[in-house]
Amino acid sequence: MNHLVADVDAAATATYADLFDALSDPTRLAILQHLATGEHRVRDLVEHLGLAQSTVSKHLACLRDCGLVAARPEGRSTVLSLAAAPPLAALLRAAEDLLAATGARVSLCTHLVRPEEG
């Protein structure tokens, strides 16, 4: 039997894995949900999540490294926002569809998953 072997781009595969790794953590998903409602400072997220500043900063670094979160200085604070809200919303809608197809129907966050319908 003749099987076609697809070439695997190791760098592209690693980039995909990094993105899905960033989305695999409940704290990072919670941060994205908060940012879907609008801009936040790090200390706002610390307060909302009830976590240490160092923990929130570590998760934000991961999200920034993947290009999901943008940061801009404002005085002595850093203001954070979603870097790519429409594509992220589309990805999460696709994840909802996949979860529904596998028997686990859930919705992450209406602000994040359906921003165009708000």
PDB file of N, CA and C in Angstrom:
ATOM      1  N   MET A   1       0.850  -1.174   0.000  1.00  0.00           N
ATOM      2  CA  MET A   1       0.000   0.000   0.000  1.00  0.00           C
ATOM      3  C   MET A   1       0.896   1.236   0.000  1.00  0.00           C
ATOM      4  N   ASN A   2       0.608   2.171  -0.867  1.00  0.00           N
ATOM      5  CA  ASN A   2       1.406   3.384  -1.002  1.00  0.00           C
ATOM      6  C   ASN A   2       0.800   4.506  -0.160  1.00  0.00           C
ATOM      7  N   HIS A   3       1.474   4.889   0.894  1.00  0.00           N
ATOM      8  CA  HIS A   3       1.003   5.974   1.758  1.00  0.00           C
ATOM      9  C   HIS A   3       1.780   7.241   1.429  1.00  0.00           C
ATOM     10  N   LEU A   4       1.070   8.309   1.248  1.00  0.00           N
ATOM     11  CA  LEU A   4       1.736   9.588   1.054  1.00  0.00           C
ATOM     12  C   LEU A   4       2.208  10.095   2.403  1.00  0.00           C
ATOM     13  N   VAL A   5       3.434  10.510   2.464  1.00  0.00           N
ATOM     14  CA  VAL A   5       3.994  11.028   3.708  1.00  0.00           C
ATOM     15  C   VAL A   5       4.050  12.547   3.596  1.00  0.00           C
ATOM     16  N   ALA A   6       3.359  13.198   4.486  1.00  0.00           N
ATOM     17  CA  ALA A   6       3.357  14.661   4.477  1.00  0.00           C
ATOM     18  C   ALA A   6       4.614  15.170   5.173  1.00  0.00           C
ATOM     19  N   ASP A   7       5.192  16.191   4.582  1.00  0.00           N
ATOM     20  CA  ASP A   7       6.319  16.841   5.246  1.00  0.00           C
ATOM     21  C   ASP A   7       5.782  17.647   6.418  1.00  0.00           C
ATOM     22  N   VAL A   8       6.434  17.528   7.534  1.00  0.00           N
ATOM     23  CA  VAL A   8       6.027  18.255   8.732  1.00  0.00           C
ATOM     24  C   VAL A   8       7.011  19.391   8.950  1.00  0.00           C
ATOM     25  N   ASP A   9       6.484  20.582   9.034  1.00  0.00           N
ATOM     26  CA  ASP A   9       7.296  21.764   9.307  1.00  0.00           C
ATOM     27  C   ASP A   9       7.443  21.868  10.827  1.00  0.00           C
ATOM     28  N   ALA A  10       8.594  21.515  11.344  1.00  0.00           N
ATOM     29  CA  ALA A  10       8.814  21.475  12.790  1.00  0.00           C
ATOM     30  C   ALA A  10       8.631  22.840  13.430  1.00  0.00           C
ATOM     31  N   ALA A  11       9.091  23.896  12.786  1.00  0.00           N
ATOM     32  CA  ALA A  11       8.954  25.246  13.361  1.00  0.00           C
ATOM     33  C   ALA A  11       7.491  25.664  13.423  1.00  0.00           C
ATOM     34  N   ALA A  12       6.746  25.399  12.362  1.00  0.00           N
ATOM     35  CA  ALA A  12       5.320  25.747  12.356  1.00  0.00           C
ATOM     36  C   ALA A  12       4.570  24.927  13.399  1.00  0.00           C
ATOM     37  N   THR A  13       4.903  23.652  13.499  1.00  0.00           N
ATOM     38  CA  THR A  13       4.261  22.793  14.485  1.00  0.00           C
ATOM     39  C   THR A  13       4.528  23.303  15.901  1.00  0.00           C
ATOM     40  N   ALA A  14       5.737  23.727  16.162  1.00  0.00           N
ATOM     41  CA  ALA A  14       6.081  24.267  17.483  1.00  0.00           C
ATOM     42  C   ALA A  14       5.321  25.564  17.765  1.00  0.00           C
ATOM     43  N   THR A  15       5.132  26.392  16.747  1.00  0.00           N
ATOM     44  CA  THR A  15       4.378  27.633  16.922  1.00  0.00           C
ATOM     45  C   THR A  15       2.926  27.334  17.275  1.00  0.00           C
ATOM     46  N   TYR A  16       2.328  26.372  16.571  1.00  0.00           N
ATOM     47  CA  TYR A  16       0.969  25.956  16.904  1.00  0.00           C
ATOM     48  C   TYR A  16       0.906  25.424  18.332  1.00  0.00           C
ATOM     49  N   ALA A  17       1.857  24.602  18.697  1.00  0.00           N
ATOM     50  CA  ALA A  17       1.877  24.026  20.046  1.00  0.00           C
ATOM     51  C   ALA A  17       1.981  25.115  21.100  1.00  0.00           C
ATOM     52  N   ASP A  18       2.790  26.140  20.846  1.00  0.00           N
ATOM     53  CA  ASP A  18       2.913  27.251  21.796  1.00  0.00           C
ATOM     54  C   ASP A  18       1.580  27.970  21.967  1.00  0.00           C
ATOM     55  N   LEU A  19       0.866  28.197  20.861  1.00  0.00           N
ATOM     56  CA  LEU A  19      -0.436  28.861  20.937  1.00  0.00           C
ATOM     57  C   LEU A  19      -1.414  28.030  21.755  1.00  0.00           C
ATOM     58  N   PHE A  20      -1.507  26.739  21.438  1.00  0.00           N
ATOM     59  CA  PHE A  20      -2.445  25.892  22.169  1.00  0.00           C
ATOM     60  C   PHE A  20      -2.024  25.702  23.622  1.00  0.00           C
ATOM     61  N   ASP A  21      -0.724  25.728  23.893  1.00  0.00           N
ATOM     62  CA  ASP A  21      -0.257  25.691  25.275  1.00  0.00           C
ATOM     63  C   ASP A  21      -0.722  26.943  26.026  1.00  0.00           C
ATOM     64  N   ALA A  22      -0.635  28.090  25.375  1.00  0.00           N
ATOM     65  CA  ALA A  22      -1.080  29.338  26.009  1.00  0.00           C
ATOM     66  C   ALA A  22      -2.566  29.285  26.334  1.00  0.00           C
ATOM     67  N   LEU A  23      -3.340  28.630  25.482  1.00  0.00           N
ATOM     68  CA  LEU A  23      -4.786  28.538  25.695  1.00  0.00           C
ATOM     69  C   LEU A  23      -5.188  27.371  26.595  1.00  0.00           C
ATOM     70  N   SER A  24      -4.220  26.564  27.035  1.00  0.00           N
ATOM     71  CA  SER A  24      -4.546  25.368  27.810  1.00  0.00           C
ATOM     72  C   SER A  24      -4.637  25.615  29.306  1.00  0.00           C
ATOM     73  N   ASP A  25      -4.293  26.801  29.759  1.00  0.00           N
ATOM     74  CA  ASP A  25      -4.266  27.072  31.196  1.00  0.00           C
ATOM     75  C   ASP A  25      -5.508  27.853  31.623  1.00  0.00           C
ATOM     76  N   PRO A  26      -6.215  27.397  32.655  1.00  0.00           N
ATOM     77  CA  PRO A  26      -7.425  28.094  33.100  1.00  0.00           C
ATOM     78  C   PRO A  26      -7.179  29.551  33.512  1.00  0.00           C
ATOM     79  N   THR A  27      -6.044  29.840  34.118  1.00  0.00           N
ATOM     80  CA  THR A  27      -5.754  31.228  34.509  1.00  0.00           C
ATOM     81  C   THR A  27      -5.584  32.104  33.281  1.00  0.00           C
ATOM     82  N   ARG A  28      -4.894  31.606  32.274  1.00  0.00           N
ATOM     83  CA  ARG A  28      -4.715  32.402  31.054  1.00  0.00           C
ATOM     84  C   ARG A  28      -6.047  32.602  30.343  1.00  0.00           C
ATOM     85  N   LEU A  29      -6.909  31.592  30.335  1.00  0.00           N
ATOM     86  CA  LEU A  29      -8.239  31.766  29.755  1.00  0.00           C
ATOM     87  C   LEU A  29      -9.046  32.797  30.544  1.00  0.00           C
ATOM     88  N   ALA A  30      -8.906  32.799  31.862  1.00  0.00           N
ATOM     89  CA  ALA A  30      -9.603  33.801  32.683  1.00  0.00           C
ATOM     90  C   ALA A  30      -9.093  35.207  32.366  1.00  0.00           C
ATOM     91  N   ILE A  31      -7.793  35.347  32.174  1.00  0.00           N
ATOM     92  CA  ILE A  31      -7.224  36.655  31.809  1.00  0.00           C
ATOM     93  C   ILE A  31      -7.809  37.108  30.477  1.00  0.00           C
ATOM     94  N   LEU A  32      -7.877  36.215  29.502  1.00  0.00           N
ATOM     95  CA  LEU A  32      -8.442  36.572  28.203  1.00  0.00           C
ATOM     96  C   LEU A  32      -9.905  36.976  28.330  1.00  0.00           C
ATOM     97  N   GLN A  33     -10.641  36.297  29.203  1.00  0.00           N
ATOM     98  CA  GLN A  33     -12.040  36.662  29.423  1.00  0.00           C
ATOM     99  C   GLN A  33     -12.150  38.072  29.994  1.00  0.00           C
ATOM    100  N   HIS A  34     -11.300  38.410  30.958  1.00  0.00           N
ATOM    101  CA  HIS A  34     -11.316  39.760  31.521  1.00  0.00           C
ATOM    102  C   HIS A  34     -10.961  40.797  30.467  1.00  0.00           C
ATOM    103  N   LEU A  35      -9.943  40.501  29.659  1.00  0.00           N
ATOM    104  CA  LEU A  35      -9.522  41.455  28.640  1.00  0.00           C
ATOM    105  C   LEU A  35     -10.556  41.583  27.519  1.00  0.00           C
ATOM    106  N   ALA A  36     -11.394  40.580  27.351  1.00  0.00           N
ATOM    107  CA  ALA A  36     -12.454  40.656  26.342  1.00  0.00           C
ATOM    108  C   ALA A  36     -13.484  41.724  26.699  1.00  0.00           C
ATOM    109  N   THR A  37     -13.549  42.102  27.963  1.00  0.00           N
ATOM    110  CA  THR A  37     -14.496  43.140  28.378  1.00  0.00           C
ATOM    111  C   THR A  37     -13.903  44.537  28.233  1.00  0.00           C
ATOM    112  N   GLY A  38     -12.596  44.621  27.951  1.00  0.00           N
ATOM    113  CA  GLY A  38     -11.928  45.912  27.779  1.00  0.00           C
ATOM    114  C   GLY A  38     -10.530  45.881  28.365  1.00  0.00           C
ATOM    115  N   GLU A  39      -9.858  47.009  28.259  1.00  0.00           N
ATOM    116  CA  GLU A  39      -8.481  47.112  28.751  1.00  0.00           C
ATOM    117  C   GLU A  39      -8.439  46.986  30.276  1.00  0.00           C
ATOM    118  N   HIS A  40      -7.342  46.399  30.751  1.00  0.00           N
ATOM    119  CA  HIS A  40      -7.099  46.241  32.184  1.00  0.00           C
ATOM    120  C   HIS A  40      -5.625  46.516  32.466  1.00  0.00           C
ATOM    121  N   ARG A  41      -5.367  46.988  33.666  1.00  0.00           N
ATOM    122  CA  ARG A  41      -3.987  47.073  34.142  1.00  0.00           C
ATOM    123  C   ARG A  41      -3.672  45.764  34.865  1.00  0.00           C
ATOM    124  N   VAL A  42      -2.385  45.504  35.053  1.00  0.00           N
ATOM    125  CA  VAL A  42      -1.977  44.281  35.747  1.00  0.00           C
ATOM    126  C   VAL A  42      -2.620  44.233  37.126  1.00  0.00           C
ATOM    127  N   ARG A  43      -2.595  45.336  37.841  1.00  0.00           N
ATOM    128  CA  ARG A  43      -3.158  45.306  39.203  1.00  0.00           C
ATOM    129  C   ARG A  43      -4.659  45.050  39.196  1.00  0.00           C
ATOM    130  N   ASP A  44      -5.371  45.471  38.124  1.00  0.00           N
ATOM    131  CA  ASP A  44      -6.798  45.147  38.009  1.00  0.00           C
ATOM    132  C   ASP A  44      -6.983  43.637  37.886  1.00  0.00           C
ATOM    133  N   LEU A  45      -6.148  43.014  37.051  1.00  0.00           N
ATOM    134  CA  LEU A  45      -6.243  41.564  36.872  1.00  0.00           C
ATOM    135  C   LEU A  45      -5.894  40.826  38.156  1.00  0.00           C
ATOM    136  N   VAL A  46      -4.891  41.313  38.872  1.00  0.00           N
ATOM    137  CA  VAL A  46      -4.519  40.717  40.156  1.00  0.00           C
ATOM    138  C   VAL A  46      -5.724  40.733  41.097  1.00  0.00           C
ATOM    139  N   GLU A  47      -6.404  41.867  41.139  1.00  0.00           N
ATOM    140  CA  GLU A  47      -7.576  42.006  42.013  1.00  0.00           C
ATOM    141  C   GLU A  47      -8.715  41.099  41.558  1.00  0.00           C
ATOM    142  N   HIS A  48      -9.005  41.094  40.251  1.00  0.00           N
ATOM    143  CA  HIS A  48     -10.107  40.278  39.725  1.00  0.00           C
ATOM    144  C   HIS A  48      -9.861  38.784  39.924  1.00  0.00           C
ATOM    145  N   LEU A  49      -8.623  38.359  39.724  1.00  0.00           N
ATOM    146  CA  LEU A  49      -8.310  36.932  39.766  1.00  0.00           C
ATOM    147  C   LEU A  49      -7.958  36.437  41.160  1.00  0.00           C
ATOM    148  N   GLY A  50      -7.589  37.365  42.056  1.00  0.00           N
ATOM    149  CA  GLY A  50      -7.201  36.962  43.406  1.00  0.00           C
ATOM    150  C   GLY A  50      -5.890  36.207  43.447  1.00  0.00           C
ATOM    151  N   LEU A  51      -4.998  36.528  42.530  1.00  0.00           N
ATOM    152  CA  LEU A  51      -3.702  35.854  42.458  1.00  0.00           C
ATOM    153  C   LEU A  51      -2.582  36.839  42.737  1.00  0.00           C
ATOM    154  N   ALA A  52      -1.408  36.321  43.018  1.00  0.00           N
ATOM    155  CA  ALA A  52      -0.235  37.162  43.236  1.00  0.00           C
ATOM    156  C   ALA A  52       0.135  37.873  41.944  1.00  0.00           C
ATOM    157  N   GLN A  53       0.699  39.059  42.073  1.00  0.00           N
ATOM    158  CA  GLN A  53       1.111  39.844  40.913  1.00  0.00           C
ATOM    159  C   GLN A  53       2.120  39.069  40.069  1.00  0.00           C
ATOM    160  N   SER A  54       3.028  38.358  40.720  1.00  0.00           N
ATOM    161  CA  SER A  54       4.038  37.590  39.980  1.00  0.00           C
ATOM    162  C   SER A  54       3.401  36.479  39.146  1.00  0.00           C
ATOM    163  N   THR A  55       2.351  35.857  39.665  1.00  0.00           N
ATOM    164  CA  THR A  55       1.650  34.799  38.936  1.00  0.00           C
ATOM    165  C   THR A  55       0.945  35.367  37.719  1.00  0.00           C
ATOM    166  N   VAL A  56       0.232  36.481  37.903  1.00  0.00           N
ATOM    167  CA  VAL A  56      -0.472  37.120  36.793  1.00  0.00           C
ATOM    168  C   VAL A  56       0.533  37.570  35.734  1.00  0.00           C
ATOM    169  N   SER A  57       1.630  38.162  36.164  1.00  0.00           N
ATOM    170  CA  SER A  57       2.654  38.623  35.222  1.00  0.00           C
ATOM    171  C   SER A  57       3.248  37.477  34.422  1.00  0.00           C
ATOM    172  N   LYS A  58       3.459  36.332  35.067  1.00  0.00           N
ATOM    173  CA  LYS A  58       3.989  35.153  34.371  1.00  0.00           C
ATOM    174  C   LYS A  58       3.027  34.699  33.278  1.00  0.00           C
ATOM    175  N   HIS A  59       1.740  34.660  33.587  1.00  0.00           N
ATOM    176  CA  HIS A  59       0.749  34.245  32.599  1.00  0.00           C
ATOM    177  C   HIS A  59       0.617  35.280  31.484  1.00  0.00           C
ATOM    178  N   LEU A  60       0.690  36.553  31.833  1.00  0.00           N
ATOM    179  CA  LEU A  60       0.625  37.604  30.817  1.00  0.00           C
ATOM    180  C   LEU A  60       1.814  37.519  29.864  1.00  0.00           C
ATOM    181  N   ALA A  61       2.978  37.195  30.381  1.00  0.00           N
ATOM    182  CA  ALA A  61       4.163  37.054  29.525  1.00  0.00           C
ATOM    183  C   ALA A  61       3.938  35.958  28.488  1.00  0.00           C
ATOM    184  N   CYS A  62       3.355  34.859  28.892  1.00  0.00           N
ATOM    185  CA  CYS A  62       3.058  33.772  27.966  1.00  0.00           C
ATOM    186  C   CYS A  62       2.088  34.244  26.891  1.00  0.00           C
ATOM    187  N   LEU A  63       1.029  34.940  27.304  1.00  0.00           N
ATOM    188  CA  LEU A  63       0.028  35.422  26.355  1.00  0.00           C
ATOM    189  C   LEU A  63       0.591  36.474  25.405  1.00  0.00           C
ATOM    190  N   ARG A  64       1.485  37.318  25.908  1.00  0.00           N
ATOM    191  CA  ARG A  64       2.140  38.314  25.046  1.00  0.00           C
ATOM    192  C   ARG A  64       3.091  37.627  24.068  1.00  0.00           C
ATOM    193  N   ASP A  65       3.836  36.627  24.541  1.00  0.00           N
ATOM    194  CA  ASP A  65       4.772  35.911  23.677  1.00  0.00           C
ATOM    195  C   ASP A  65       4.057  35.253  22.503  1.00  0.00           C
ATOM    196  N   CYS A  66       2.825  34.823  22.708  1.00  0.00           N
ATOM    197  CA  CYS A  66       2.040  34.197  21.638  1.00  0.00           C
ATOM    198  C   CYS A  66       1.287  35.226  20.802  1.00  0.00           C
ATOM    199  N   GLY A  67       1.389  36.491  21.153  1.00  0.00           N
ATOM    200  CA  GLY A  67       0.722  37.537  20.384  1.00  0.00           C
ATOM    201  C   GLY A  67      -0.756  37.691  20.679  1.00  0.00           C
ATOM    202  N   LEU A  68      -1.229  37.102  21.784  1.00  0.00           N
ATOM    203  CA  LEU A  68      -2.651  37.197  22.120  1.00  0.00           C
ATOM    204  C   LEU A  68      -2.987  38.456  22.906  1.00  0.00           C
ATOM    205  N   VAL A  69      -2.012  38.993  23.610  1.00  0.00           N
ATOM    206  CA  VAL A  69      -2.224  40.171  24.457  1.00  0.00           C
ATOM    207  C   VAL A  69      -1.231  41.254  24.057  1.00  0.00           C
ATOM    208  N   ALA A  70      -1.740  42.472  23.980  1.00  0.00           N
ATOM    209  CA  ALA A  70      -0.904  43.642  23.704  1.00  0.00           C
ATOM    210  C   ALA A  70      -0.781  44.460  24.979  1.00  0.00           C
ATOM    211  N   ALA A  71       0.354  45.107  25.134  1.00  0.00           N
ATOM    212  CA  ALA A  71       0.604  45.935  26.321  1.00  0.00           C
ATOM    213  C   ALA A  71       1.103  47.301  25.867  1.00  0.00           C
ATOM    214  N   ARG A  72       0.617  48.328  26.558  1.00  0.00           N
ATOM    215  CA  ARG A  72       1.112  49.678  26.283  1.00  0.00           C
ATOM    216  C   ARG A  72       1.306  50.398  27.611  1.00  0.00           C
ATOM    217  N   PRO A  73       2.379  51.178  27.712  1.00  0.00           N
ATOM    218  CA  PRO A  73       2.610  51.912  28.958  1.00  0.00           C
ATOM    219  C   PRO A  73       1.635  53.077  29.082  1.00  0.00           C
ATOM    220  N   GLU A  74       1.217  53.309  30.296  1.00  0.00           N
ATOM    221  CA  GLU A  74       0.375  54.465  30.619  1.00  0.00           C
ATOM    222  C   GLU A  74       0.820  54.959  31.988  1.00  0.00           C
ATOM    223  N   GLY A  75       1.637  55.997  31.961  1.00  0.00           N
ATOM    224  CA  GLY A  75       2.237  56.453  33.209  1.00  0.00           C
ATOM    225  C   GLY A  75       3.157  55.383  33.748  1.00  0.00           C
ATOM    226  N   ARG A  76       2.951  55.043  35.026  1.00  0.00           N
ATOM    227  CA  ARG A  76       3.765  53.986  35.634  1.00  0.00           C
ATOM    228  C   ARG A  76       3.097  52.622  35.547  1.00  0.00           C
ATOM    229  N   SER A  77       1.973  52.550  34.878  1.00  0.00           N
ATOM    230  CA  SER A  77       1.244  51.288  34.721  1.00  0.00           C
ATOM    231  C   SER A  77       1.389  50.765  33.302  1.00  0.00           C
ATOM    232  N   THR A  78       1.000  49.529  33.124  1.00  0.00           N
ATOM    233  CA  THR A  78       0.910  48.917  31.813  1.00  0.00           C
ATOM    234  C   THR A  78      -0.545  48.555  31.579  1.00  0.00           C
ATOM    235  N   VAL A  79      -1.074  48.993  30.448  1.00  0.00           N
ATOM    236  CA  VAL A  79      -2.458  48.699  30.098  1.00  0.00           C
ATOM    237  C   VAL A  79      -2.457  47.556  29.093  1.00  0.00           C
ATOM    238  N   LEU A  80      -3.269  46.558  29.366  1.00  0.00           N
ATOM    239  CA  LEU A  80      -3.312  45.339  28.557  1.00  0.00           C
ATOM    240  C   LEU A  80      -4.623  45.245  27.796  1.00  0.00           C
ATOM    241  N   SER A  81      -4.553  44.648  26.617  1.00  0.00           N
ATOM    242  CA  SER A  81      -5.750  44.438  25.806  1.00  0.00           C
ATOM    243  C   SER A  81      -5.542  43.200  24.949  1.00  0.00           C
ATOM    244  N   LEU A  82      -6.632  42.719  24.358  1.00  0.00           N
ATOM    245  CA  LEU A  82      -6.517  41.611  23.415  1.00  0.00           C
ATOM    246  C   LEU A  82      -5.870  42.131  22.145  1.00  0.00           C
ATOM    247  N   ALA A  83      -4.904  41.413  21.641  1.00  0.00           N
ATOM    248  CA  ALA A  83      -4.191  41.836  20.439  1.00  0.00           C
ATOM    249  C   ALA A  83      -4.945  41.458  19.168  1.00  0.00           C
ATOM    250  N   ALA A  84      -5.691  40.387  19.215  1.00  0.00           N
ATOM    251  CA  ALA A  84      -6.361  39.881  18.015  1.00  0.00           C
ATOM    252  C   ALA A  84      -7.725  39.317  18.396  1.00  0.00           C
ATOM    253  N   ALA A  85      -8.620  40.180  18.863  1.00  0.00           N
ATOM    254  CA  ALA A  85      -9.913  39.718  19.371  1.00  0.00           C
ATOM    255  C   ALA A  85     -10.735  38.944  18.340  1.00  0.00           C
ATOM    256  N   PRO A  86     -10.914  39.428  17.099  1.00  0.00           N
ATOM    257  CA  PRO A  86     -11.753  38.661  16.162  1.00  0.00           C
ATOM    258  C   PRO A  86     -11.216  37.254  15.844  1.00  0.00           C
ATOM    259  N   PRO A  87      -9.912  37.107  15.537  1.00  0.00           N
ATOM    260  CA  PRO A  87      -9.441  35.735  15.280  1.00  0.00           C
ATOM    261  C   PRO A  87      -9.501  34.852  16.527  1.00  0.00           C
ATOM    262  N   LEU A  88      -9.251  35.424  17.694  1.00  0.00           N
ATOM    263  CA  LEU A  88      -9.337  34.644  18.929  1.00  0.00           C
ATOM    264  C   LEU A  88     -10.776  34.186  19.159  1.00  0.00           C
ATOM    265  N   ALA A  89     -11.728  35.077  18.935  1.00  0.00           N
ATOM    266  CA  ALA A  89     -13.141  34.713  19.077  1.00  0.00           C
ATOM    267  C   ALA A  89     -13.497  33.596  18.101  1.00  0.00           C
ATOM    268  N   ALA A  90     -13.003  33.679  16.879  1.00  0.00           N
ATOM    269  CA  ALA A  90     -13.284  32.638  15.890  1.00  0.00           C
ATOM    270  C   ALA A  90     -12.687  31.299  16.321  1.00  0.00           C
ATOM    271  N   LEU A  91     -11.473  31.332  16.857  1.00  0.00           N
ATOM    272  CA  LEU A  91     -10.841  30.102  17.335  1.00  0.00           C
ATOM    273  C   LEU A  91     -11.646  29.482  18.468  1.00  0.00           C
ATOM    274  N   LEU A  92     -12.123  30.309  19.384  1.00  0.00           N
ATOM    275  CA  LEU A  92     -12.888  29.781  20.513  1.00  0.00           C
ATOM    276  C   LEU A  92     -14.262  29.279  20.079  1.00  0.00           C
ATOM    277  N   ARG A  93     -14.859  29.911  19.064  1.00  0.00           N
ATOM    278  CA  ARG A  93     -16.117  29.383  18.509  1.00  0.00           C
ATOM    279  C   ARG A  93     -15.866  28.003  17.905  1.00  0.00           C
ATOM    280  N   ALA A  94     -14.744  27.862  17.199  1.00  0.00           N
ATOM    281  CA  ALA A  94     -14.393  26.561  16.623  1.00  0.00           C
ATOM    282  C   ALA A  94     -14.172  25.534  17.729  1.00  0.00           C
ATOM    283  N   ALA A  95     -13.531  25.951  18.829  1.00  0.00           N
ATOM    284  CA  ALA A  95     -13.324  25.035  19.958  1.00  0.00           C
ATOM    285  C   ALA A  95     -14.659  24.615  20.562  1.00  0.00           C
ATOM    286  N   GLU A  96     -15.602  25.568  20.677  1.00  0.00           N
ATOM    287  CA  GLU A  96     -16.938  25.220  21.171  1.00  0.00           C
ATOM    288  C   GLU A  96     -17.599  24.197  20.261  1.00  0.00           C
ATOM    289  N   ASP A  97     -17.482  24.389  18.947  1.00  0.00           N
ATOM    290  CA  ASP A  97     -18.060  23.444  17.989  1.00  0.00           C
ATOM    291  C   ASP A  97     -17.434  22.066  18.142  1.00  0.00           C
ATOM    292  N   LEU A  98     -16.106  22.032  18.298  1.00  0.00           N
ATOM    293  CA  LEU A  98     -15.410  20.760  18.464  1.00  0.00           C
ATOM    294  C   LEU A  98     -15.832  20.085  19.768  1.00  0.00           C
ATOM    295  N   LEU A  99     -15.923  20.858  20.835  1.00  0.00           N
ATOM    296  CA  LEU A  99     -16.364  20.283  22.113  1.00  0.00           C
ATOM    297  C   LEU A  99     -17.789  19.751  22.009  1.00  0.00           C
ATOM    298  N   ALA A 100     -18.659  20.476  21.330  1.00  0.00           N
ATOM    299  CA  ALA A 100     -20.034  20.012  21.158  1.00  0.00           C
ATOM    300  C   ALA A 100     -20.064  18.718  20.354  1.00  0.00           C
ATOM    301  N   ALA A 101     -19.216  18.629  19.332  1.00  0.00           N
ATOM    302  CA  ALA A 101     -19.173  17.426  18.497  1.00  0.00           C
ATOM    303  C   ALA A 101     -18.650  16.219  19.261  1.00  0.00           C
ATOM    304  N   THR A 102     -17.851  16.470  20.307  1.00  0.00           N
ATOM    305  CA  THR A 102     -17.314  15.354  21.096  1.00  0.00           C
ATOM    306  C   THR A 102     -18.117  15.118  22.366  1.00  0.00           C
ATOM    307  N   GLY A 103     -19.247  15.823  22.498  1.00  0.00           N
ATOM    308  CA  GLY A 103     -20.149  15.575  23.616  1.00  0.00           C
ATOM    309  C   GLY A 103     -19.943  16.450  24.827  1.00  0.00           C
ATOM    310  N   ALA A 104     -19.137  17.483  24.736  1.00  0.00           N
ATOM    311  CA  ALA A 104     -18.875  18.362  25.884  1.00  0.00           C
ATOM    312  C   ALA A 104     -19.270  19.791  25.520  1.00  0.00           C
ATOM    313  N   ARG A 105     -20.566  20.054  25.386  1.00  0.00           N
ATOM    314  CA  ARG A 105     -21.035  21.385  24.996  1.00  0.00           C
ATOM    315  C   ARG A 105     -20.815  22.363  26.143  1.00  0.00           C
ATOM    316  N   VAL A 106     -19.985  23.384  25.895  1.00  0.00           N
ATOM    317  CA  VAL A 106     -19.712  24.438  26.877  1.00  0.00           C
ATOM    318  C   VAL A 106     -19.547  25.758  26.133  1.00  0.00           C
ATOM    319  N   SER A 107     -19.621  26.833  26.888  1.00  0.00           N
ATOM    320  CA  SER A 107     -19.364  28.161  26.340  1.00  0.00           C
ATOM    321  C   SER A 107     -18.401  28.851  27.282  1.00  0.00           C
ATOM    322  N   LEU A 108     -17.296  29.362  26.755  1.00  0.00           N
ATOM    323  CA  LEU A 108     -16.273  29.970  27.602  1.00  0.00           C
ATOM    324  C   LEU A 108     -16.720  31.303  28.156  1.00  0.00           C
ATOM    325  N   CYS A 109     -17.040  32.216  27.279  1.00  0.00           N
ATOM    326  CA  CYS A 109     -17.332  33.576  27.717  1.00  0.00           C
ATOM    327  C   CYS A 109     -18.021  34.295  26.572  1.00  0.00           C
ATOM    328  N   THR A 110     -19.216  34.787  26.813  1.00  0.00           N
ATOM    329  CA  THR A 110     -19.940  35.421  25.718  1.00  0.00           C
ATOM    330  C   THR A 110     -19.225  36.674  25.219  1.00  0.00           C
ATOM    331  N   HIS A 111     -18.499  37.371  26.072  1.00  0.00           N
ATOM    332  CA  HIS A 111     -17.754  38.558  25.625  1.00  0.00           C
ATOM    333  C   HIS A 111     -16.634  38.188  24.671  1.00  0.00           C
ATOM    334  N   LEU A 112     -16.032  37.051  24.911  1.00  0.00           N
ATOM    335  CA  LEU A 112     -14.875  36.638  24.115  1.00  0.00           C
ATOM    336  C   LEU A 112     -15.291  35.867  22.875  1.00  0.00           C
ATOM    337  N   VAL A 113     -16.267  35.014  23.009  1.00  0.00           N
ATOM    338  CA  VAL A 113     -16.624  34.127  21.922  1.00  0.00           C
ATOM    339  C   VAL A 113     -17.583  34.785  20.925  1.00  0.00           C
ATOM    340  N   ARG A 114     -18.384  35.703  21.343  1.00  0.00           N
ATOM    341  CA  ARG A 114     -19.359  36.314  20.449  1.00  0.00           C
ATOM    342  C   ARG A 114     -19.328  37.840  20.505  1.00  0.00           C
ATOM    343  N   PRO A 115     -18.149  38.475  20.334  1.00  0.00           N
ATOM    344  CA  PRO A 115     -18.068  39.925  20.452  1.00  0.00           C
ATOM    345  C   PRO A 115     -18.866  40.675  19.392  1.00  0.00           C
ATOM    346  N   GLU A 116     -19.025  40.072  18.203  1.00  0.00           N
ATOM    347  CA  GLU A 116     -19.723  40.771  17.136  1.00  0.00           C
ATOM    348  C   GLU A 116     -21.233  40.785  17.351  1.00  0.00           C
ATOM    349  N   GLU A 117     -21.730  39.965  18.295  1.00  0.00           N
ATOM    350  CA  GLU A 117     -23.163  39.899  18.544  1.00  0.00           C
ATOM    351  C   GLU A 117     -23.579  40.734  19.738  1.00  0.00           C
ATOM    352  N   GLY A 118     -22.606  41.343  20.436  1.00  0.00           N
ATOM    353  CA  GLY A 118     -22.888  42.093  21.659  1.00  0.00           C
ATOM    354  C   GLY A 118     -23.461  43.387  21.343  1.00  0.00           C
TER     355      GLY A 118
END
